[in-house]
Amino acid sequence: MELGDFTKLAKDYVHRVGYSETILRVLCNHISAQIHRKPKVADIGAGAGKLTENLKSIGLSGYAVEPNDAMRQEGIKLFDGHTSFIWSKGTAETTKPPDNCVDWVLMGSSFHWTNAPLALKEFHRILRPGGFFTAIWNPRNLEISELHIDIEKNIKKIVPELHRVSSGSRKNMNGTEQKLLSIPYFKNLFLYGSNV
């Protein structure tokens, strides 16, 4: 597998843990209060639909954009019969939805793969004035969490040749604040991290 190519993993992504619906509801409630309506959303780097599924569960609709064909097909399969999200091929730098079409852009465990200045410019293009961007990760804490460290050791014993990467690792997160502040399109940056 090449770095960033999830083709061979696509069918297994359905088994991954989703994102915190509690956090998504809190953010959604804040945004709804600011714009006086339920936000229309764009899940960029939607993968196989884990975050998109959480967004649908809290009553949201919009766009799901994914560059990898295999991952996108899994997401489309997950949403079979549901029309709340329009699935399309695209990247963070070239999303494809029209100008000013959403209130909230989200990226689940994928912002670190982007060319941040181009992606943030693109998000600004598809967001309505005053729109919001959220980069969220669901990482394994391989630095201090005994549970995560033990899980990794056991996986390594079972499959010694497997190389796993935690998308929200400190290495991948380095410089995120600077990337977000490097472009003048967004203000009121809020960063939250957990050591659990």
N, C-alpha and C. Protein backbone atom coordinates (compact mmCIF):
# COMPACT_ATOMS: atom_id res chain seq x y z
N MET A 1 0.84 -1.19 0.00
CA MET A 1 0.00 0.00 0.00
C MET A 1 0.88 1.24 0.00
N GLU A 2 0.60 2.17 -0.89
CA GLU A 2 1.32 3.43 -0.92
C GLU A 2 0.75 4.34 0.16
N LEU A 3 1.60 5.25 0.62
CA LEU A 3 1.16 6.20 1.62
C LEU A 3 -0.04 6.98 1.10
N GLY A 4 -1.14 6.92 1.80
CA GLY A 4 -2.33 7.65 1.41
C GLY A 4 -3.25 6.90 0.47
N ASP A 5 -2.89 5.70 0.02
CA ASP A 5 -3.75 4.92 -0.86
C ASP A 5 -4.49 3.88 -0.02
N PHE A 6 -5.80 4.08 0.13
CA PHE A 6 -6.61 3.22 0.99
C PHE A 6 -7.41 2.18 0.22
N THR A 7 -7.07 1.97 -1.05
CA THR A 7 -7.84 1.06 -1.90
C THR A 7 -7.99 -0.31 -1.28
N LYS A 8 -6.90 -0.90 -0.80
CA LYS A 8 -6.93 -2.26 -0.26
C LYS A 8 -7.62 -2.33 1.10
N LEU A 9 -7.81 -1.19 1.75
CA LEU A 9 -8.44 -1.16 3.07
C LEU A 9 -9.92 -0.80 3.02
N ALA A 10 -10.40 -0.39 1.85
CA ALA A 10 -11.74 0.19 1.74
C ALA A 10 -12.83 -0.69 2.34
N LYS A 11 -12.84 -1.97 2.02
CA LYS A 11 -13.90 -2.86 2.48
C LYS A 11 -13.89 -3.04 4.00
N ASP A 12 -12.75 -2.83 4.63
CA ASP A 12 -12.65 -2.99 6.08
C ASP A 12 -12.98 -1.73 6.86
N TYR A 13 -13.07 -0.60 6.18
CA TYR A 13 -13.33 0.66 6.89
C TYR A 13 -14.70 0.71 7.54
N VAL A 14 -15.63 -0.10 7.07
CA VAL A 14 -16.96 -0.13 7.68
C VAL A 14 -16.88 -0.57 9.14
N HIS A 15 -15.82 -1.28 9.50
CA HIS A 15 -15.66 -1.79 10.86
C HIS A 15 -14.95 -0.80 11.79
N ARG A 16 -14.49 0.30 11.24
CA ARG A 16 -13.81 1.29 12.09
C ARG A 16 -14.80 2.00 13.00
N VAL A 17 -14.30 2.51 14.09
CA VAL A 17 -15.12 3.28 15.02
C VAL A 17 -15.45 4.62 14.38
N GLY A 18 -16.67 5.06 14.55
CA GLY A 18 -17.08 6.36 14.04
C GLY A 18 -16.59 7.48 14.94
N TYR A 19 -17.08 8.66 14.69
CA TYR A 19 -16.68 9.85 15.46
C TYR A 19 -17.72 10.11 16.54
N SER A 20 -17.37 10.94 17.49
CA SER A 20 -18.25 11.21 18.63
C SER A 20 -19.47 12.03 18.18
N GLU A 21 -20.63 11.39 18.25
CA GLU A 21 -21.85 12.13 17.90
C GLU A 21 -22.15 13.21 18.93
N THR A 22 -21.69 13.03 20.16
CA THR A 22 -21.87 14.07 21.18
C THR A 22 -21.13 15.34 20.76
N ILE A 23 -19.88 15.19 20.36
CA ILE A 23 -19.10 16.37 19.91
C ILE A 23 -19.74 16.97 18.67
N LEU A 24 -20.15 16.12 17.72
CA LEU A 24 -20.76 16.64 16.50
C LEU A 24 -22.06 17.38 16.79
N ARG A 25 -22.85 16.87 17.74
CA ARG A 25 -24.11 17.56 18.11
C ARG A 25 -23.82 18.92 18.76
N VAL A 26 -22.82 18.97 19.63
CA VAL A 26 -22.46 20.24 20.27
C VAL A 26 -22.04 21.26 19.21
N LEU A 27 -21.17 20.83 18.31
CA LEU A 27 -20.72 21.73 17.24
C LEU A 27 -21.89 22.14 16.34
N CYS A 28 -22.74 21.18 16.00
CA CYS A 28 -23.90 21.46 15.16
C CYS A 28 -24.84 22.46 15.85
N ASN A 29 -25.08 22.28 17.13
CA ASN A 29 -25.95 23.20 17.87
C ASN A 29 -25.36 24.61 17.89
N HIS A 30 -24.05 24.70 18.07
CA HIS A 30 -23.39 26.02 18.06
C HIS A 30 -23.55 26.67 16.69
N ILE A 31 -23.29 25.93 15.64
CA ILE A 31 -23.40 26.48 14.29
C ILE A 31 -24.84 26.85 13.98
N SER A 32 -25.78 25.98 14.34
CA SER A 32 -27.21 26.27 14.10
C SER A 32 -27.63 27.57 14.79
N ALA A 33 -27.13 27.78 16.01
CA ALA A 33 -27.46 29.01 16.74
C ALA A 33 -26.88 30.24 16.04
N GLN A 34 -25.71 30.07 15.42
CA GLN A 34 -25.07 31.20 14.74
C GLN A 34 -25.78 31.55 13.43
N ILE A 35 -26.23 30.53 12.69
CA ILE A 35 -26.80 30.78 11.35
C ILE A 35 -28.34 30.69 11.34
N HIS A 36 -28.93 30.33 12.48
CA HIS A 36 -30.39 30.28 12.66
C HIS A 36 -31.07 29.25 11.76
N ARG A 37 -30.38 28.14 11.51
CA ARG A 37 -30.95 27.03 10.76
C ARG A 37 -30.02 25.83 10.93
N LYS A 38 -30.49 24.67 10.53
CA LYS A 38 -29.65 23.47 10.52
C LYS A 38 -28.63 23.62 9.39
N PRO A 39 -27.36 23.40 9.67
CA PRO A 39 -26.35 23.61 8.62
C PRO A 39 -26.38 22.53 7.54
N LYS A 40 -26.10 22.94 6.33
CA LYS A 40 -25.82 22.02 5.22
C LYS A 40 -24.33 21.77 5.29
N VAL A 41 -23.89 20.53 5.09
CA VAL A 41 -22.50 20.18 5.34
C VAL A 41 -21.82 19.57 4.12
N ALA A 42 -20.49 19.58 4.17
CA ALA A 42 -19.66 18.87 3.19
C ALA A 42 -18.62 18.09 3.96
N ASP A 43 -18.64 16.77 3.79
CA ASP A 43 -17.64 15.89 4.38
C ASP A 43 -16.59 15.66 3.30
N ILE A 44 -15.43 16.27 3.46
CA ILE A 44 -14.37 16.21 2.46
C ILE A 44 -13.35 15.15 2.90
N GLY A 45 -12.97 14.28 1.97
CA GLY A 45 -12.15 13.12 2.34
C GLY A 45 -13.04 12.14 3.08
N ALA A 46 -14.25 11.95 2.57
CA ALA A 46 -15.29 11.18 3.26
C ALA A 46 -14.97 9.70 3.40
N GLY A 47 -14.00 9.22 2.66
CA GLY A 47 -13.63 7.82 2.77
C GLY A 47 -14.80 6.89 2.51
N ALA A 48 -14.98 5.93 3.40
CA ALA A 48 -16.06 4.95 3.28
C ALA A 48 -17.31 5.41 4.03
N GLY A 49 -17.33 6.66 4.49
CA GLY A 49 -18.54 7.24 5.04
C GLY A 49 -18.71 7.20 6.55
N LYS A 50 -17.62 6.99 7.32
CA LYS A 50 -17.77 6.91 8.77
C LYS A 50 -18.28 8.23 9.36
N LEU A 51 -17.64 9.34 9.02
CA LEU A 51 -18.09 10.64 9.53
C LEU A 51 -19.42 11.03 8.87
N THR A 52 -19.55 10.75 7.59
CA THR A 52 -20.79 11.07 6.86
C THR A 52 -21.98 10.38 7.54
N GLU A 53 -21.78 9.14 7.93
CA GLU A 53 -22.83 8.38 8.62
C GLU A 53 -23.20 9.05 9.94
N ASN A 54 -22.20 9.52 10.69
CA ASN A 54 -22.48 10.23 11.95
C ASN A 54 -23.25 11.53 11.69
N LEU A 55 -22.88 12.24 10.63
CA LEU A 55 -23.57 13.48 10.29
C LEU A 55 -25.03 13.21 9.92
N LYS A 56 -25.27 12.15 9.17
CA LYS A 56 -26.63 11.76 8.81
C LYS A 56 -27.42 11.40 10.07
N SER A 57 -26.76 10.71 11.02
CA SER A 57 -27.44 10.29 12.26
C SER A 57 -27.91 11.47 13.10
N ILE A 58 -27.21 12.61 12.99
CA ILE A 58 -27.65 13.78 13.76
C ILE A 58 -28.53 14.71 12.91
N GLY A 59 -29.00 14.18 11.77
CA GLY A 59 -30.01 14.89 10.98
C GLY A 59 -29.48 15.85 9.94
N LEU A 60 -28.22 15.71 9.55
CA LEU A 60 -27.65 16.64 8.58
C LEU A 60 -27.61 16.03 7.18
N SER A 61 -27.45 16.89 6.19
CA SER A 61 -27.37 16.46 4.80
C SER A 61 -26.38 17.36 4.07
N GLY A 62 -26.00 16.92 2.87
CA GLY A 62 -25.08 17.73 2.08
C GLY A 62 -24.28 16.91 1.10
N TYR A 63 -22.97 17.08 1.13
CA TYR A 63 -22.07 16.48 0.15
C TYR A 63 -21.04 15.59 0.85
N ALA A 64 -20.67 14.51 0.17
CA ALA A 64 -19.58 13.64 0.61
C ALA A 64 -18.62 13.54 -0.56
N VAL A 65 -17.39 14.01 -0.35
CA VAL A 65 -16.40 14.08 -1.42
C VAL A 65 -15.22 13.19 -1.05
N GLU A 66 -14.84 12.29 -1.97
CA GLU A 66 -13.76 11.34 -1.70
C GLU A 66 -12.98 11.07 -2.98
N PRO A 67 -11.64 11.18 -2.93
CA PRO A 67 -10.84 10.94 -4.13
C PRO A 67 -10.64 9.47 -4.49
N ASN A 68 -10.63 8.58 -3.51
CA ASN A 68 -10.33 7.17 -3.76
C ASN A 68 -11.60 6.43 -4.21
N ASP A 69 -11.55 5.84 -5.39
CA ASP A 69 -12.73 5.17 -5.95
C ASP A 69 -13.27 4.06 -5.07
N ALA A 70 -12.38 3.21 -4.54
CA ALA A 70 -12.82 2.08 -3.72
C ALA A 70 -13.47 2.57 -2.42
N MET A 71 -12.87 3.57 -1.80
CA MET A 71 -13.44 4.11 -0.55
C MET A 71 -14.81 4.75 -0.84
N ARG A 72 -14.87 5.54 -1.90
CA ARG A 72 -16.13 6.22 -2.24
C ARG A 72 -17.23 5.20 -2.54
N GLN A 73 -16.89 4.11 -3.23
CA GLN A 73 -17.89 3.08 -3.53
C GLN A 73 -18.43 2.43 -2.26
N GLU A 74 -17.55 2.24 -1.26
CA GLU A 74 -18.02 1.71 0.03
C GLU A 74 -18.97 2.70 0.71
N GLY A 75 -18.66 3.98 0.62
CA GLY A 75 -19.54 5.00 1.20
C GLY A 75 -20.89 5.03 0.50
N ILE A 76 -20.86 4.97 -0.81
CA ILE A 76 -22.12 4.96 -1.59
C ILE A 76 -22.95 3.74 -1.21
N LYS A 77 -22.29 2.60 -1.05
CA LYS A 77 -22.97 1.36 -0.64
C LYS A 77 -23.61 1.54 0.74
N LEU A 78 -22.86 2.17 1.67
CA LEU A 78 -23.36 2.41 3.02
C LEU A 78 -24.63 3.27 2.99
N PHE A 79 -24.70 4.19 2.04
CA PHE A 79 -25.82 5.11 1.94
C PHE A 79 -26.87 4.66 0.93
N ASP A 80 -26.80 3.40 0.50
CA ASP A 80 -27.74 2.88 -0.50
C ASP A 80 -29.18 3.16 -0.08
N GLY A 81 -29.92 3.84 -0.94
CA GLY A 81 -31.31 4.16 -0.66
C GLY A 81 -31.52 5.46 0.10
N HIS A 82 -30.44 6.11 0.56
CA HIS A 82 -30.55 7.37 1.28
C HIS A 82 -30.04 8.50 0.38
N THR A 83 -30.78 9.58 0.35
CA THR A 83 -30.42 10.69 -0.54
C THR A 83 -29.95 11.92 0.23
N SER A 84 -29.64 11.75 1.51
CA SER A 84 -29.26 12.90 2.32
C SER A 84 -27.89 13.47 1.93
N PHE A 85 -27.04 12.65 1.30
CA PHE A 85 -25.72 13.11 0.88
C PHE A 85 -25.50 12.80 -0.59
N ILE A 86 -24.95 13.77 -1.29
CA ILE A 86 -24.55 13.60 -2.69
C ILE A 86 -23.08 13.21 -2.69
N TRP A 87 -22.79 12.02 -3.19
CA TRP A 87 -21.41 11.52 -3.24
C TRP A 87 -20.76 11.91 -4.55
N SER A 88 -19.49 12.36 -4.48
CA SER A 88 -18.77 12.70 -5.71
C SER A 88 -17.27 12.50 -5.52
N LYS A 89 -16.59 12.38 -6.66
CA LYS A 89 -15.13 12.24 -6.65
C LYS A 89 -14.54 13.63 -6.60
N GLY A 90 -13.58 13.82 -5.71
CA GLY A 90 -12.91 15.10 -5.59
C GLY A 90 -11.89 15.05 -4.48
N THR A 91 -11.09 16.08 -4.40
CA THR A 91 -10.07 16.19 -3.36
C THR A 91 -10.37 17.41 -2.51
N ALA A 92 -9.62 17.57 -1.44
CA ALA A 92 -9.80 18.76 -0.59
C ALA A 92 -9.47 20.03 -1.37
N GLU A 93 -8.56 19.91 -2.32
CA GLU A 93 -8.14 21.08 -3.10
C GLU A 93 -9.09 21.37 -4.27
N THR A 94 -9.85 20.38 -4.69
CA THR A 94 -10.82 20.52 -5.78
C THR A 94 -12.04 19.68 -5.42
N THR A 95 -12.95 20.26 -4.65
CA THR A 95 -14.06 19.48 -4.09
C THR A 95 -15.20 19.23 -5.07
N LYS A 96 -15.48 20.13 -5.95
CA LYS A 96 -16.54 20.07 -6.96
C LYS A 96 -17.89 20.67 -6.58
N PRO A 97 -18.37 20.66 -5.31
CA PRO A 97 -19.65 21.32 -5.05
C PRO A 97 -19.60 22.80 -5.47
N PRO A 98 -20.78 23.39 -5.72
CA PRO A 98 -20.82 24.78 -6.17
C PRO A 98 -20.39 25.79 -5.10
N ASP A 99 -20.12 27.00 -5.53
CA ASP A 99 -19.76 28.09 -4.62
C ASP A 99 -20.87 28.30 -3.59
N ASN A 100 -20.47 28.66 -2.38
CA ASN A 100 -21.41 29.08 -1.32
C ASN A 100 -22.58 28.12 -1.12
N CYS A 101 -22.32 26.82 -1.09
CA CYS A 101 -23.42 25.85 -1.02
C CYS A 101 -23.58 25.19 0.34
N VAL A 102 -22.59 25.34 1.24
CA VAL A 102 -22.68 24.70 2.55
C VAL A 102 -22.33 25.68 3.67
N ASP A 103 -22.75 25.31 4.87
CA ASP A 103 -22.47 26.13 6.06
C ASP A 103 -21.30 25.57 6.87
N TRP A 104 -21.01 24.28 6.66
CA TRP A 104 -20.03 23.61 7.51
C TRP A 104 -19.27 22.58 6.69
N VAL A 105 -17.95 22.73 6.63
CA VAL A 105 -17.07 21.76 5.99
C VAL A 105 -16.37 20.98 7.09
N LEU A 106 -16.33 19.66 6.93
CA LEU A 106 -15.64 18.80 7.90
C LEU A 106 -14.67 17.88 7.18
N MET A 107 -13.60 17.53 7.88
CA MET A 107 -12.68 16.50 7.42
C MET A 107 -12.43 15.57 8.61
N GLY A 108 -12.72 14.29 8.44
CA GLY A 108 -12.50 13.31 9.48
C GLY A 108 -11.21 12.54 9.24
N SER A 109 -10.23 12.76 10.10
CA SER A 109 -8.94 12.06 10.04
C SER A 109 -8.28 12.16 8.67
N SER A 110 -8.38 13.33 8.04
CA SER A 110 -7.81 13.44 6.69
C SER A 110 -7.18 14.79 6.37
N PHE A 111 -7.31 15.78 7.24
CA PHE A 111 -6.77 17.10 6.91
C PHE A 111 -5.26 17.06 6.70
N HIS A 112 -4.56 16.17 7.39
CA HIS A 112 -3.11 16.08 7.27
C HIS A 112 -2.65 15.62 5.88
N TRP A 113 -3.56 15.06 5.07
CA TRP A 113 -3.20 14.63 3.71
C TRP A 113 -3.28 15.79 2.71
N THR A 114 -3.80 16.93 3.11
CA THR A 114 -4.08 18.01 2.15
C THR A 114 -2.88 18.92 1.91
N ASN A 115 -2.97 19.67 0.82
CA ASN A 115 -2.15 20.85 0.63
C ASN A 115 -2.97 21.94 1.33
N ALA A 116 -2.65 22.22 2.57
CA ALA A 116 -3.51 23.04 3.44
C ALA A 116 -3.90 24.39 2.83
N PRO A 117 -2.97 25.18 2.30
CA PRO A 117 -3.39 26.48 1.74
C PRO A 117 -4.42 26.33 0.62
N LEU A 118 -4.23 25.36 -0.27
CA LEU A 118 -5.18 25.16 -1.37
C LEU A 118 -6.51 24.61 -0.86
N ALA A 119 -6.45 23.69 0.09
CA ALA A 119 -7.67 23.11 0.65
C ALA A 119 -8.50 24.18 1.38
N LEU A 120 -7.85 24.99 2.20
CA LEU A 120 -8.58 26.02 2.94
C LEU A 120 -9.19 27.06 1.99
N LYS A 121 -8.49 27.38 0.94
CA LYS A 121 -9.04 28.28 -0.08
C LYS A 121 -10.29 27.66 -0.73
N GLU A 122 -10.22 26.37 -1.02
CA GLU A 122 -11.35 25.66 -1.62
C GLU A 122 -12.53 25.59 -0.65
N PHE A 123 -12.25 25.33 0.62
CA PHE A 123 -13.33 25.29 1.61
C PHE A 123 -14.02 26.65 1.70
N HIS A 124 -13.23 27.70 1.67
CA HIS A 124 -13.79 29.05 1.69
C HIS A 124 -14.70 29.27 0.49
N ARG A 125 -14.34 28.71 -0.66
CA ARG A 125 -15.15 28.87 -1.88
C ARG A 125 -16.52 28.20 -1.72
N ILE A 126 -16.57 26.99 -1.16
CA ILE A 126 -17.85 26.29 -1.09
C ILE A 126 -18.69 26.68 0.12
N LEU A 127 -18.06 27.35 1.10
CA LEU A 127 -18.79 27.79 2.29
C LEU A 127 -19.57 29.07 2.02
N ARG A 128 -20.75 29.14 2.63
CA ARG A 128 -21.50 30.39 2.63
C ARG A 128 -20.76 31.38 3.54
N PRO A 129 -20.95 32.68 3.36
CA PRO A 129 -20.30 33.65 4.25
C PRO A 129 -20.57 33.33 5.72
N GLY A 130 -19.51 33.37 6.53
CA GLY A 130 -19.64 33.06 7.95
C GLY A 130 -19.63 31.57 8.24
N GLY A 131 -19.26 30.75 7.24
CA GLY A 131 -19.27 29.30 7.39
C GLY A 131 -18.18 28.78 8.32
N PHE A 132 -18.24 27.50 8.62
CA PHE A 132 -17.37 26.86 9.60
C PHE A 132 -16.60 25.70 8.98
N PHE A 133 -15.38 25.47 9.49
CA PHE A 133 -14.58 24.33 9.10
C PHE A 133 -14.15 23.58 10.35
N THR A 134 -14.30 22.26 10.34
CA THR A 134 -13.88 21.40 11.44
C THR A 134 -13.00 20.28 10.91
N ALA A 135 -11.80 20.18 11.46
CA ALA A 135 -10.94 19.01 11.22
C ALA A 135 -11.00 18.19 12.50
N ILE A 136 -11.41 16.94 12.37
CA ILE A 136 -11.59 16.09 13.54
C ILE A 136 -10.83 14.78 13.30
N TRP A 137 -10.24 14.26 14.36
CA TRP A 137 -9.52 12.99 14.28
C TRP A 137 -10.08 12.04 15.33
N ASN A 138 -9.91 10.77 15.07
CA ASN A 138 -10.32 9.73 16.00
C ASN A 138 -9.10 8.83 16.20
N PRO A 139 -8.04 9.36 16.82
CA PRO A 139 -6.75 8.66 16.83
C PRO A 139 -6.59 7.64 17.95
N ARG A 140 -5.60 6.80 17.72
CA ARG A 140 -5.11 5.95 18.79
C ARG A 140 -3.96 6.72 19.43
N ASN A 141 -3.93 6.78 20.74
CA ASN A 141 -2.84 7.49 21.40
C ASN A 141 -1.75 6.49 21.74
N LEU A 142 -0.78 6.40 20.84
CA LEU A 142 0.28 5.40 20.98
C LEU A 142 1.45 5.89 21.83
N GLU A 143 1.29 7.08 22.42
CA GLU A 143 2.36 7.62 23.24
C GLU A 143 2.15 7.37 24.73
N ILE A 144 0.89 7.48 25.21
CA ILE A 144 0.69 7.32 26.65
C ILE A 144 -0.48 6.42 27.05
N SER A 145 -1.34 6.07 26.12
CA SER A 145 -2.49 5.24 26.48
C SER A 145 -2.06 3.78 26.58
N GLU A 146 -2.09 3.22 27.79
CA GLU A 146 -1.70 1.82 27.99
C GLU A 146 -2.58 0.89 27.16
N LEU A 147 -3.87 1.19 27.08
CA LEU A 147 -4.78 0.36 26.29
C LEU A 147 -4.35 0.34 24.82
N HIS A 148 -4.12 1.50 24.24
CA HIS A 148 -3.73 1.57 22.83
C HIS A 148 -2.37 0.92 22.58
N ILE A 149 -1.44 1.13 23.49
CA ILE A 149 -0.10 0.52 23.37
C ILE A 149 -0.22 -1.01 23.41
N ASP A 150 -1.02 -1.54 24.35
CA ASP A 150 -1.21 -3.00 24.44
C ASP A 150 -1.88 -3.56 23.19
N ILE A 151 -2.87 -2.85 22.68
CA ILE A 151 -3.55 -3.30 21.46
C ILE A 151 -2.55 -3.39 20.31
N GLU A 152 -1.72 -2.35 20.16
CA GLU A 152 -0.73 -2.35 19.08
C GLU A 152 0.27 -3.50 19.23
N LYS A 153 0.71 -3.77 20.46
CA LYS A 153 1.64 -4.88 20.70
C LYS A 153 1.01 -6.21 20.31
N ASN A 154 -0.26 -6.41 20.67
CA ASN A 154 -0.94 -7.66 20.35
C ASN A 154 -1.16 -7.81 18.84
N ILE A 155 -1.50 -6.72 18.19
CA ILE A 155 -1.66 -6.77 16.73
C ILE A 155 -0.33 -7.13 16.07
N LYS A 156 0.74 -6.54 16.56
CA LYS A 156 2.08 -6.80 16.02
C LYS A 156 2.47 -8.26 16.18
N LYS A 157 2.08 -8.89 17.30
CA LYS A 157 2.36 -10.31 17.52
C LYS A 157 1.60 -11.17 16.50
N ILE A 158 0.35 -10.79 16.24
CA ILE A 158 -0.49 -11.56 15.32
C ILE A 158 -0.08 -11.35 13.86
N VAL A 159 0.18 -10.08 13.51
CA VAL A 159 0.53 -9.73 12.13
C VAL A 159 1.80 -8.88 12.16
N PRO A 160 2.98 -9.51 12.30
CA PRO A 160 4.22 -8.75 12.48
C PRO A 160 4.58 -7.84 11.30
N GLU A 161 4.14 -8.18 10.10
CA GLU A 161 4.50 -7.36 8.93
C GLU A 161 3.57 -6.17 8.71
N LEU A 162 2.51 -6.07 9.51
CA LEU A 162 1.55 -4.98 9.36
C LEU A 162 2.13 -3.68 9.87
N HIS A 163 2.03 -2.64 9.05
CA HIS A 163 2.47 -1.31 9.46
C HIS A 163 1.23 -0.42 9.54
N ARG A 164 0.89 0.00 10.75
CA ARG A 164 -0.30 0.85 10.95
C ARG A 164 0.14 2.27 11.24
N VAL A 165 -0.66 3.21 10.75
CA VAL A 165 -0.39 4.63 10.98
C VAL A 165 -1.61 5.22 11.66
N SER A 166 -1.40 5.93 12.74
CA SER A 166 -2.50 6.63 13.41
C SER A 166 -2.60 8.02 12.83
N SER A 167 -3.71 8.30 12.15
CA SER A 167 -3.85 9.57 11.44
C SER A 167 -3.79 10.77 12.37
N GLY A 168 -4.19 10.61 13.60
CA GLY A 168 -4.16 11.71 14.54
C GLY A 168 -2.93 11.72 15.43
N SER A 169 -1.89 11.02 15.01
CA SER A 169 -0.68 10.97 15.83
C SER A 169 -0.04 12.35 15.91
N ARG A 170 0.76 12.53 16.93
CA ARG A 170 1.44 13.81 17.13
C ARG A 170 2.25 14.20 15.88
N LYS A 171 2.88 13.19 15.25
CA LYS A 171 3.68 13.44 14.05
C LYS A 171 2.81 14.05 12.93
N ASN A 172 1.63 13.48 12.72
CA ASN A 172 0.74 13.99 11.67
C ASN A 172 0.07 15.30 12.06
N MET A 173 -0.02 15.57 13.34
CA MET A 173 -0.69 16.79 13.82
C MET A 173 0.25 17.99 13.89
N ASN A 174 1.56 17.74 13.88
CA ASN A 174 2.51 18.86 13.98
C ASN A 174 2.24 19.89 12.90
N GLY A 175 2.15 21.14 13.32
CA GLY A 175 1.97 22.24 12.38
C GLY A 175 0.53 22.52 11.98
N THR A 176 -0.44 21.77 12.51
CA THR A 176 -1.83 21.98 12.13
C THR A 176 -2.30 23.40 12.43
N GLU A 177 -1.96 23.90 13.62
CA GLU A 177 -2.39 25.25 13.99
C GLU A 177 -1.82 26.28 13.01
N GLN A 178 -0.54 26.14 12.67
CA GLN A 178 0.08 27.07 11.73
C GLN A 178 -0.58 26.99 10.35
N LYS A 179 -0.92 25.77 9.92
CA LYS A 179 -1.59 25.61 8.62
C LYS A 179 -2.93 26.33 8.62
N LEU A 180 -3.69 26.15 9.71
CA LEU A 180 -5.01 26.76 9.78
C LEU A 180 -4.93 28.28 9.85
N LEU A 181 -3.89 28.79 10.49
CA LEU A 181 -3.74 30.24 10.63
C LEU A 181 -3.03 30.89 9.44
N SER A 182 -2.47 30.07 8.53
CA SER A 182 -1.68 30.61 7.43
C SER A 182 -2.53 31.26 6.36
N ILE A 183 -3.81 31.02 6.37
CA ILE A 183 -4.72 31.54 5.35
C ILE A 183 -5.72 32.47 6.03
N PRO A 184 -6.03 33.61 5.45
CA PRO A 184 -6.88 34.60 6.12
C PRO A 184 -8.39 34.31 6.04
N TYR A 185 -8.79 33.14 5.57
CA TYR A 185 -10.20 32.87 5.35
C TYR A 185 -10.99 32.54 6.61
N PHE A 186 -10.30 32.04 7.64
CA PHE A 186 -10.99 31.60 8.84
C PHE A 186 -10.47 32.34 10.06
N LYS A 187 -11.35 32.55 11.05
CA LYS A 187 -10.93 33.19 12.30
C LYS A 187 -11.53 32.40 13.45
N ASN A 188 -11.24 32.82 14.66
CA ASN A 188 -11.74 32.15 15.85
C ASN A 188 -11.37 30.67 15.88
N LEU A 189 -10.09 30.41 15.74
CA LEU A 189 -9.58 29.04 15.77
C LEU A 189 -9.72 28.46 17.17
N PHE A 190 -10.25 27.23 17.23
CA PHE A 190 -10.37 26.51 18.49
C PHE A 190 -9.73 25.15 18.31
N LEU A 191 -8.73 24.85 19.11
CA LEU A 191 -8.06 23.55 19.06
C LEU A 191 -8.34 22.80 20.35
N TYR A 192 -8.68 21.54 20.22
CA TYR A 192 -8.88 20.72 21.40
C TYR A 192 -8.21 19.38 21.15
N GLY A 193 -7.45 18.93 22.10
CA GLY A 193 -6.81 17.62 22.00
C GLY A 193 -6.96 16.89 23.32
N SER A 194 -6.83 15.57 23.25
CA SER A 194 -6.96 14.76 24.44
C SER A 194 -5.77 13.84 24.58
N ASN A 195 -5.35 13.58 25.79
CA ASN A 195 -4.26 12.64 26.04
C ASN A 195 -4.78 11.28 26.51
N VAL A 196 -6.06 11.05 26.34
CA VAL A 196 -6.67 9.80 26.80
C VAL A 196 -6.53 8.73 25.74
